Amino acid sequence: MIAASLSGVTKRFDRVVALDDVDLELRGGEVLALLGPNGAGKTTALSLILGLRRPDAGRAELFGGDPRRPGSRLGVGVTPQEASFPPTLLVCEIVDLVRAHFPGAAAAPDLLARFGLRDCSLRQAGGLSGGERRRLSVALAFAGAPQAVFLDEPTSGLDVEARRAVWNELGAYAAAGGTVLLTTHYLEEAEALATRVAVLVRGRIGAEGSPAQLAGTHGGTLEDAFLALTRDER
């Protein structure tokens, strides 16, 4: 099953070509890490897959349908790169608000426990630390018991312990058959979680394969491969 795809997709912003004839597939049950330097087009690719933007050329699909249709998005969870919350709402209220949009939503107490939010569940969102807000943003991606999650820099700003806890949750979700597409600048995160890696270079897919395959082909480690593929972009 193909959970999401971009086929021959090009996206421009004025004179800047963010994506240039990109083909990308997210297969059901895999963890795909989309890597690339800043400005490579990772967030743009996610926005097209999720129907938040339209491609200038080519086609984006989500579960075989148009990602702009609400029905196509019902089975997904999303953590955007940046998220804001109504500052006076309690954490538990935000969780319940998002859960209310999905049939068969995850149980709120379980969701709060999985992402280390029980102790702050009765606090207002405006009083959360940056790391707590990030954990809440990741937790909300799982509120609807999704078939696939799309996570844009999910552990950015988290300390080591919190990052490892999120990794454990993503690993458990994938082991149970969940599908994950994540962007990250932490190469150790891609190595720990991804079954497949795609590297965006100048708006195109420069290479893809398992972390071990890319490491073996391009210099010994995934970091070596990333640096070799993106050398001209730095």
Foldseek 3Di string as FASTA:
>chain_A
DWQKWWALFWADDVPATLAGGETDTFDFLFEEEEEEDPSLNPLVVVCCLQVVDDTPDTDIDGNRHRNVDVVSCQQFFEQHPDDDDDQADFLLRVLVVLLVVAPPFDDSVVLCVLQVNPVRRGPGNNPDDPQNVLSSSVSSRRGRVHQEYEYEASCPPPDPVSVVSVLVVLQVCSVVRHTYYYYHPDVVSLLSGGQKYFYRESNYGQDMGGQVVQCVVQPNGSVSSRCVSHVVVD
